[in-house]
PDB file of N, CA and C in Angstrom:
ATOM      1  N   UNK A   1      -2.326 -10.825   3.576  1.00  0.00           N
ATOM      2  CA  UNK A   1      -2.468  -9.484   3.060  1.00  0.00           C
ATOM      3  C   UNK A   1      -1.120  -8.772   2.995  1.00  0.00           C
ATOM      4  N   UNK A   2      -0.311  -8.909   4.033  1.00  0.00           N
ATOM      5  CA  UNK A   2       0.987  -8.232   4.050  1.00  0.00           C
ATOM      6  C   UNK A   2       1.831  -8.663   2.858  1.00  0.00           C
ATOM      7  N   UNK A   3       1.815  -9.948   2.560  1.00  0.00           N
ATOM      8  CA  UNK A   3       2.580 -10.456   1.425  1.00  0.00           C
ATOM      9  C   UNK A   3       2.140  -9.838   0.105  1.00  0.00           C
ATOM     10  N   UNK A   4       0.834  -9.711  -0.069  1.00  0.00           N
ATOM     11  CA  UNK A   4       0.321  -9.098  -1.305  1.00  0.00           C
ATOM     12  C   UNK A   4       0.717  -7.637  -1.404  1.00  0.00           C
ATOM     13  N   UNK A   5       0.639  -6.927  -0.297  1.00  0.00           N
ATOM     14  CA  UNK A   5       1.036  -5.518  -0.289  1.00  0.00           C
ATOM     15  C   UNK A   5       2.517  -5.396  -0.644  1.00  0.00           C
ATOM     16  N   UNK A   6       3.346  -6.222  -0.035  1.00  0.00           N
ATOM     17  CA  UNK A   6       4.781  -6.197  -0.318  1.00  0.00           C
ATOM     18  C   UNK A   6       5.043  -6.504  -1.789  1.00  0.00           C
ATOM     19  N   UNK A   7       4.325  -7.472  -2.356  1.00  0.00           N
ATOM     20  CA  UNK A   7       4.497  -7.799  -3.775  1.00  0.00           C
ATOM     21  C   UNK A   7       4.148  -6.613  -4.669  1.00  0.00           C
ATOM     22  N   UNK A   8       3.065  -5.919  -4.350  1.00  0.00           N
ATOM     23  CA  UNK A   8       2.658  -4.755  -5.144  1.00  0.00           C
ATOM     24  C   UNK A   8       3.724  -3.662  -5.050  1.00  0.00           C
ATOM     25  N   UNK A   9       4.218  -3.428  -3.843  1.00  0.00           N
ATOM     26  CA  UNK A   9       5.249  -2.410  -3.657  1.00  0.00           C
ATOM     27  C   UNK A   9       6.520  -2.787  -4.414  1.00  0.00           C
ATOM     28  N   UNK A  10       6.942  -4.037  -4.278  1.00  0.00           N
ATOM     29  CA  UNK A  10       8.158  -4.491  -4.959  1.00  0.00           C
ATOM     30  C   UNK A  10       8.025  -4.340  -6.471  1.00  0.00           C
ATOM     31  N   UNK A  11       6.873  -4.716  -6.989  1.00  0.00           N
ATOM     32  CA  UNK A  11       6.656  -4.607  -8.434  1.00  0.00           C
ATOM     33  C   UNK A  11       6.658  -3.139  -8.869  1.00  0.00           C
ATOM     34  N   UNK A  12       6.000  -2.281  -8.102  1.00  0.00           N
ATOM     35  CA  UNK A  12       5.921  -0.870  -8.494  1.00  0.00           C
ATOM     36  C   UNK A  12       7.285  -0.179  -8.396  1.00  0.00           C
ATOM     37  N   UNK A  13       8.142  -0.642  -7.493  1.00  0.00           N
ATOM     38  CA  UNK A  13       9.471  -0.045  -7.316  1.00  0.00           C
ATOM     39  C   UNK A  13      10.548  -0.774  -8.105  1.00  0.00           C
ATOM     40  N   UNK A  14      10.218  -1.958  -8.633  1.00  0.00           N
ATOM     41  CA  UNK A  14      11.207  -2.732  -9.385  1.00  0.00           C
ATOM     42  C   UNK A  14      12.327  -3.260  -8.502  1.00  0.00           C
ATOM     43  N   UNK A  15      11.951  -3.700  -7.299  1.00  0.00           N
ATOM     44  CA  UNK A  15      12.944  -4.235  -6.378  1.00  0.00           C
ATOM     45  C   UNK A  15      12.521  -5.622  -5.899  1.00  0.00           C
ATOM     46  N   UNK A  16      13.446  -6.326  -5.269  1.00  0.00           N
ATOM     47  CA  UNK A  16      13.171  -7.679  -4.792  1.00  0.00           C
ATOM     48  C   UNK A  16      12.226  -7.659  -3.589  1.00  0.00           C
ATOM     49  N   UNK A  17      11.291  -8.595  -3.590  1.00  0.00           N
ATOM     50  CA  UNK A  17      10.323  -8.729  -2.498  1.00  0.00           C
ATOM     51  C   UNK A  17      11.047  -8.909  -1.163  1.00  0.00           C
ATOM     52  N   UNK A  18      12.152  -9.626  -1.174  1.00  0.00           N
ATOM     53  CA  UNK A  18      12.879  -9.937   0.051  1.00  0.00           C
ATOM     54  C   UNK A  18      13.452  -8.698   0.735  1.00  0.00           C
ATOM     55  N   UNK A  19      13.554  -7.590   0.015  1.00  0.00           N
ATOM     56  CA  UNK A  19      14.140  -6.382   0.593  1.00  0.00           C
ATOM     57  C   UNK A  19      13.118  -5.546   1.359  1.00  0.00           C
ATOM     58  N   UNK A  20      11.847  -5.980   1.337  1.00  0.00           N
ATOM     59  CA  UNK A  20      10.780  -5.218   1.983  1.00  0.00           C
ATOM     60  C   UNK A  20      10.207  -6.015   3.148  1.00  0.00           C
ATOM     61  N   UNK A  21      10.030  -5.347   4.288  1.00  0.00           N
ATOM     62  CA  UNK A  21       9.412  -5.956   5.463  1.00  0.00           C
ATOM     63  C   UNK A  21       8.232  -5.079   5.882  1.00  0.00           C
ATOM     64  N   UNK A  22       7.412  -5.548   6.815  1.00  0.00           N
ATOM     65  CA  UNK A  22       6.321  -4.695   7.293  1.00  0.00           C
ATOM     66  C   UNK A  22       6.811  -3.382   7.916  1.00  0.00           C
ATOM     67  N   UNK A  23       8.024  -3.365   8.425  1.00  0.00           N
ATOM     68  CA  UNK A  23       8.571  -2.159   9.048  1.00  0.00           C
ATOM     69  C   UNK A  23       9.176  -1.186   8.043  1.00  0.00           C
ATOM     70  N   UNK A  24       9.323  -1.606   6.794  1.00  0.00           N
ATOM     71  CA  UNK A  24       9.910  -0.748   5.764  1.00  0.00           C
ATOM     72  C   UNK A  24       9.050   0.494   5.572  1.00  0.00           C
ATOM     73  N   UNK A  25       9.710   1.647   5.555  1.00  0.00           N
ATOM     74  CA  UNK A  25       8.995   2.905   5.322  1.00  0.00           C
ATOM     75  C   UNK A  25       9.185   3.328   3.869  1.00  0.00           C
ATOM     76  N   UNK A  26       8.337   4.250   3.438  1.00  0.00           N
ATOM     77  CA  UNK A  26       8.471   4.755   2.078  1.00  0.00           C
ATOM     78  C   UNK A  26       9.745   5.578   1.941  1.00  0.00           C
ATOM     79  N   UNK A  27      10.194   6.178   3.038  1.00  0.00           N
ATOM     80  CA  UNK A  27      11.478   6.890   3.023  1.00  0.00           C
ATOM     81  C   UNK A  27      12.622   5.896   2.771  1.00  0.00           C
ATOM     82  N   UNK A  28      12.519   4.701   3.381  1.00  0.00           N
ATOM     83  CA  UNK A  28      13.529   3.662   3.152  1.00  0.00           C
ATOM     84  C   UNK A  28      13.610   3.294   1.672  1.00  0.00           C
ATOM     85  N   UNK A  29      12.462   3.372   0.993  1.00  0.00           N
ATOM     86  CA  UNK A  29      12.380   2.993  -0.424  1.00  0.00           C
ATOM     87  C   UNK A  29      12.633   4.176  -1.356  1.00  0.00           C
ATOM     88  N   UNK A  30      12.967   5.315  -0.772  1.00  0.00           N
ATOM     89  CA  UNK A  30      13.227   6.545  -1.544  1.00  0.00           C
ATOM     90  C   UNK A  30      12.066   6.896  -2.469  1.00  0.00           C
ATOM     91  N   UNK A  31      10.848   6.793  -1.937  1.00  0.00           N
ATOM     92  CA  UNK A  31       9.660   7.084  -2.733  1.00  0.00           C
ATOM     93  C   UNK A  31       9.295   8.554  -2.629  1.00  0.00           C
ATOM     94  N   UNK A  32       9.019   9.163  -3.781  1.00  0.00           N
ATOM     95  CA  UNK A  32       8.532  10.538  -3.778  1.00  0.00           C
ATOM     96  C   UNK A  32       7.014  10.531  -3.957  1.00  0.00           C
ATOM     97  N   UNK A  33       6.412  11.702  -4.082  1.00  0.00           N
ATOM     98  CA  UNK A  33       4.949  11.780  -4.151  1.00  0.00           C
ATOM     99  C   UNK A  33       4.395  11.100  -5.399  1.00  0.00           C
ATOM    100  N   UNK A  34       5.097  11.177  -6.513  1.00  0.00           N
ATOM    101  CA  UNK A  34       4.636  10.515  -7.734  1.00  0.00           C
ATOM    102  C   UNK A  34       4.687   8.998  -7.569  1.00  0.00           C
ATOM    103  N   UNK A  35       5.751   8.501  -6.948  1.00  0.00           N
ATOM    104  CA  UNK A  35       5.843   7.063  -6.661  1.00  0.00           C
ATOM    105  C   UNK A  35       4.692   6.631  -5.759  1.00  0.00           C
ATOM    106  N   UNK A  36       4.375   7.473  -4.774  1.00  0.00           N
ATOM    107  CA  UNK A  36       3.277   7.173  -3.862  1.00  0.00           C
ATOM    108  C   UNK A  36       1.944   7.104  -4.585  1.00  0.00           C
ATOM    109  N   UNK A  37       1.739   8.015  -5.524  1.00  0.00           N
ATOM    110  CA  UNK A  37       0.504   8.025  -6.301  1.00  0.00           C
ATOM    111  C   UNK A  37       0.382   6.765  -7.148  1.00  0.00           C
ATOM    112  N   UNK A  38       1.467   6.384  -7.776  1.00  0.00           N
ATOM    113  CA  UNK A  38       1.463   5.140  -8.578  1.00  0.00           C
ATOM    114  C   UNK A  38       1.166   3.930  -7.697  1.00  0.00           C
ATOM    115  N   UNK A  39       1.735   3.933  -6.502  1.00  0.00           N
ATOM    116  CA  UNK A  39       1.507   2.818  -5.580  1.00  0.00           C
ATOM    117  C   UNK A  39       0.044   2.753  -5.163  1.00  0.00           C
ATOM    118  N   UNK A  40      -0.556   3.899  -4.877  1.00  0.00           N
ATOM    119  CA  UNK A  40      -1.977   3.924  -4.501  1.00  0.00           C
ATOM    120  C   UNK A  40      -2.825   3.331  -5.617  1.00  0.00           C
ATOM    121  N   UNK A  41      -2.558   3.723  -6.863  1.00  0.00           N
ATOM    122  CA  UNK A  41      -3.316   3.166  -7.992  1.00  0.00           C
ATOM    123  C   UNK A  41      -3.123   1.658  -8.091  1.00  0.00           C
ATOM    124  N   UNK A  42      -1.897   1.191  -7.908  1.00  0.00           N
ATOM    125  CA  UNK A  42      -1.613  -0.247  -7.985  1.00  0.00           C
ATOM    126  C   UNK A  42      -2.326  -1.000  -6.865  1.00  0.00           C
ATOM    127  N   UNK A  43      -2.336  -0.421  -5.669  1.00  0.00           N
ATOM    128  CA  UNK A  43      -3.017  -1.066  -4.540  1.00  0.00           C
ATOM    129  C   UNK A  43      -4.525  -1.085  -4.752  1.00  0.00           C
ATOM    130  N   UNK A  44      -5.078  -0.001  -5.274  1.00  0.00           N
ATOM    131  CA  UNK A  44      -6.520   0.043  -5.553  1.00  0.00           C
ATOM    132  C   UNK A  44      -6.900  -1.044  -6.558  1.00  0.00           C
ATOM    133  N   UNK A  45      -6.070  -1.207  -7.571  1.00  0.00           N
ATOM    134  CA  UNK A  45      -6.353  -2.235  -8.585  1.00  0.00           C
ATOM    135  C   UNK A  45      -6.222  -3.638  -8.000  1.00  0.00           C
ATOM    136  N   UNK A  46      -5.184  -3.860  -7.226  1.00  0.00           N
ATOM    137  CA  UNK A  46      -4.933  -5.182  -6.640  1.00  0.00           C
ATOM    138  C   UNK A  46      -6.035  -5.604  -5.671  1.00  0.00           C
ATOM    139  N   UNK A  47      -6.511  -4.658  -4.853  1.00  0.00           N
ATOM    140  CA  UNK A  47      -7.455  -5.002  -3.793  1.00  0.00           C
ATOM    141  C   UNK A  47      -8.896  -4.604  -4.089  1.00  0.00           C
ATOM    142  N   UNK A  48      -9.132  -3.931  -5.205  1.00  0.00           N
ATOM    143  CA  UNK A  48     -10.500  -3.573  -5.583  1.00  0.00           C
ATOM    144  C   UNK A  48     -11.162  -2.592  -4.643  1.00  0.00           C
ATOM    145  N   UNK A  49     -10.386  -1.638  -4.129  1.00  0.00           N
ATOM    146  CA  UNK A  49     -10.921  -0.612  -3.233  1.00  0.00           C
ATOM    147  C   UNK A  49     -10.490   0.764  -3.720  1.00  0.00           C
ATOM    148  N   UNK A  50     -11.210   1.770  -3.256  1.00  0.00           N
ATOM    149  CA  UNK A  50     -10.816   3.155  -3.492  1.00  0.00           C
ATOM    150  C   UNK A  50     -10.150   3.654  -2.218  1.00  0.00           C
ATOM    151  N   UNK A  51      -8.928   4.125  -2.348  1.00  0.00           N
ATOM    152  CA  UNK A  51      -8.198   4.646  -1.193  1.00  0.00           C
ATOM    153  C   UNK A  51      -8.357   6.164  -1.194  1.00  0.00           C
ATOM    154  N   UNK A  52      -9.050   6.700  -0.189  1.00  0.00           N
ATOM    155  CA  UNK A  52      -9.230   8.156  -0.129  1.00  0.00           C
ATOM    156  C   UNK A  52      -7.883   8.876  -0.018  1.00  0.00           C
ATOM    157  N   UNK A  53      -7.803  10.064  -0.605  1.00  0.00           N
ATOM    158  CA  UNK A  53      -6.556  10.834  -0.581  1.00  0.00           C
ATOM    159  C   UNK A  53      -6.044  11.067   0.831  1.00  0.00           C
ATOM    160  N   UNK A  54      -6.961  11.393   1.760  1.00  0.00           N
ATOM    161  CA  UNK A  54      -6.518  11.670   3.131  1.00  0.00           C
ATOM    162  C   UNK A  54      -5.926  10.430   3.784  1.00  0.00           C
ATOM    163  N   UNK A  55      -6.461   9.256   3.467  1.00  0.00           N
ATOM    164  CA  UNK A  55      -5.913   8.010   4.010  1.00  0.00           C
ATOM    165  C   UNK A  55      -4.554   7.712   3.392  1.00  0.00           C
ATOM    166  N   UNK A  56      -4.446   7.905   2.076  1.00  0.00           N
ATOM    167  CA  UNK A  56      -3.190   7.633   1.380  1.00  0.00           C
ATOM    168  C   UNK A  56      -2.059   8.506   1.919  1.00  0.00           C
ATOM    169  N   UNK A  57      -2.371   9.735   2.276  1.00  0.00           N
ATOM    170  CA  UNK A  57      -1.344  10.641   2.792  1.00  0.00           C
ATOM    171  C   UNK A  57      -0.808  10.200   4.147  1.00  0.00           C
ATOM    172  N   UNK A  58      -1.591   9.394   4.861  1.00  0.00           N
ATOM    173  CA  UNK A  58      -1.175   8.913   6.178  1.00  0.00           C
ATOM    174  C   UNK A  58      -0.230   7.719   6.095  1.00  0.00           C
ATOM    175  N   UNK A  59      -0.184   7.051   4.954  1.00  0.00           N
ATOM    176  CA  UNK A  59       0.654   5.862   4.804  1.00  0.00           C
ATOM    177  C   UNK A  59       2.123   6.249   4.764  1.00  0.00           C
ATOM    178  N   UNK A  60       2.876   5.754   5.739  1.00  0.00           N
ATOM    179  CA  UNK A  60       4.313   6.029   5.794  1.00  0.00           C
ATOM    180  C   UNK A  60       5.146   4.747   5.785  1.00  0.00           C
ATOM    181  N   UNK A  61       4.471   3.597   6.001  1.00  0.00           N
ATOM    182  CA  UNK A  61       5.194   2.320   6.048  1.00  0.00           C
ATOM    183  C   UNK A  61       4.302   1.214   5.491  1.00  0.00           C
ATOM    184  N   UNK A  62       4.925   0.085   5.243  1.00  0.00           N
ATOM    185  CA  UNK A  62       4.187  -1.075   4.753  1.00  0.00           C
ATOM    186  C   UNK A  62       3.106  -1.460   5.756  1.00  0.00           C
ATOM    187  N   UNK A  63       3.445  -1.474   7.034  1.00  0.00           N
ATOM    188  CA  UNK A  63       2.485  -1.855   8.068  1.00  0.00           C
ATOM    189  C   UNK A  63       1.259  -0.932   8.052  1.00  0.00           C
ATOM    190  N   UNK A  64       1.478   0.367   7.861  1.00  0.00           N
ATOM    191  CA  UNK A  64       0.365   1.320   7.818  1.00  0.00           C
ATOM    192  C   UNK A  64      -0.516   1.083   6.590  1.00  0.00           C
ATOM    193  N   UNK A  65       0.087   0.715   5.478  1.00  0.00           N
ATOM    194  CA  UNK A  65      -0.696   0.403   4.277  1.00  0.00           C
ATOM    195  C   UNK A  65      -1.574  -0.810   4.538  1.00  0.00           C
ATOM    196  N   UNK A  66      -0.999  -1.848   5.121  1.00  0.00           N
ATOM    197  CA  UNK A  66      -1.760  -3.073   5.415  1.00  0.00           C
ATOM    198  C   UNK A  66      -2.924  -2.759   6.351  1.00  0.00           C
ATOM    199  N   UNK A  67      -2.649  -2.007   7.402  1.00  0.00           N
ATOM    200  CA  UNK A  67      -3.695  -1.656   8.364  1.00  0.00           C
ATOM    201  C   UNK A  67      -4.804  -0.851   7.684  1.00  0.00           C
ATOM    202  N   UNK A  68      -4.420   0.110   6.853  1.00  0.00           N
ATOM    203  CA  UNK A  68      -5.397   0.927   6.140  1.00  0.00           C
ATOM    204  C   UNK A  68      -6.237   0.106   5.177  1.00  0.00           C
ATOM    205  N   UNK A  69      -5.590  -0.795   4.454  1.00  0.00           N
ATOM    206  CA  UNK A  69      -6.338  -1.645   3.518  1.00  0.00           C
ATOM    207  C   UNK A  69      -7.287  -2.584   4.254  1.00  0.00           C
ATOM    208  N   UNK A  70      -6.844  -3.127   5.378  1.00  0.00           N
ATOM    209  CA  UNK A  70      -7.721  -4.004   6.163  1.00  0.00           C
ATOM    210  C   UNK A  70      -8.971  -3.242   6.594  1.00  0.00           C
ATOM    211  N   UNK A  71      -8.805  -1.996   7.008  1.00  0.00           N
ATOM    212  CA  UNK A  71      -9.941  -1.169   7.411  1.00  0.00           C
ATOM    213  C   UNK A  71     -10.877  -0.915   6.231  1.00  0.00           C
ATOM    214  N   UNK A  72     -10.303  -0.557   5.079  1.00  0.00           N
ATOM    215  CA  UNK A  72     -11.124  -0.291   3.892  1.00  0.00           C
ATOM    216  C   UNK A  72     -11.864  -1.537   3.413  1.00  0.00           C
ATOM    217  N   UNK A  73     -11.181  -2.678   3.446  1.00  0.00           N
ATOM    218  CA  UNK A  73     -11.811  -3.924   3.002  1.00  0.00           C
ATOM    219  C   UNK A  73     -12.922  -4.340   3.960  1.00  0.00           C
ATOM    220  N   UNK A  74     -12.719  -4.137   5.258  1.00  0.00           N
ATOM    221  CA  UNK A  74     -13.761  -4.467   6.242  1.00  0.00           C
ATOM    222  C   UNK A  74     -14.983  -3.564   6.033  1.00  0.00           C
ATOM    223  N   UNK A  75     -14.737  -2.308   5.780  1.00  0.00           N
ATOM    224  CA  UNK A  75     -15.825  -1.361   5.536  1.00  0.00           C
ATOM    225  C   UNK A  75     -16.591  -1.747   4.261  1.00  0.00           C
ATOM    226  N   UNK A  76     -15.840  -2.117   3.226  1.00  0.00           N
ATOM    227  CA  UNK A  76     -16.456  -2.537   1.960  1.00  0.00           C
ATOM    228  C   UNK A  76     -17.304  -3.789   2.172  1.00  0.00           C
ATOM    229  N   UNK A  77     -16.795  -4.748   2.943  1.00  0.00           N
ATOM    230  CA  UNK A  77     -17.540  -5.979   3.203  1.00  0.00           C
ATOM    231  C   UNK A  77     -18.803  -5.707   4.004  1.00  0.00           C
ATOM    232  N   UNK A  78     -18.719  -4.778   4.942  1.00  0.00           N
ATOM    233  CA  UNK A  78     -19.885  -4.442   5.771  1.00  0.00           C
ATOM    234  C   UNK A  78     -20.966  -3.766   4.955  1.00  0.00           C
ATOM    235  N   UNK A  79     -20.573  -3.046   3.926  1.00  0.00           N
ATOM    236  CA  UNK A  79     -21.533  -2.342   3.076  1.00  0.00           C
ATOM    237  C   UNK A  79     -22.193  -3.275   2.061  1.00  0.00           C
ATOM    238  N   UNK A  80     -21.597  -4.425   1.850  1.00  0.00           N
ATOM    239  CA  UNK A  80     -22.127  -5.367   0.840  1.00  0.00           C
ATOM    240  C   UNK A  80     -23.290  -6.177   1.372  1.00  0.00           C
TER     241      UNK A  80
END
């Protein structure tokens, strides 16, 4: 999952995958709110989930995105 998240981030930012680690923060990537919104849409498309606005606002690093997506995917699987 972490690898997929990193790939989505790298693609959305137009940077090399190797420059992103789980500890990378959005501040490290110089992301503004519009970049964050685009990333949320890309992640929703990649993983087939809806990311609530309040959850998206909590994401500050790659690790937090992975943790949040794991929670959303587990919830989605439990509802199926």
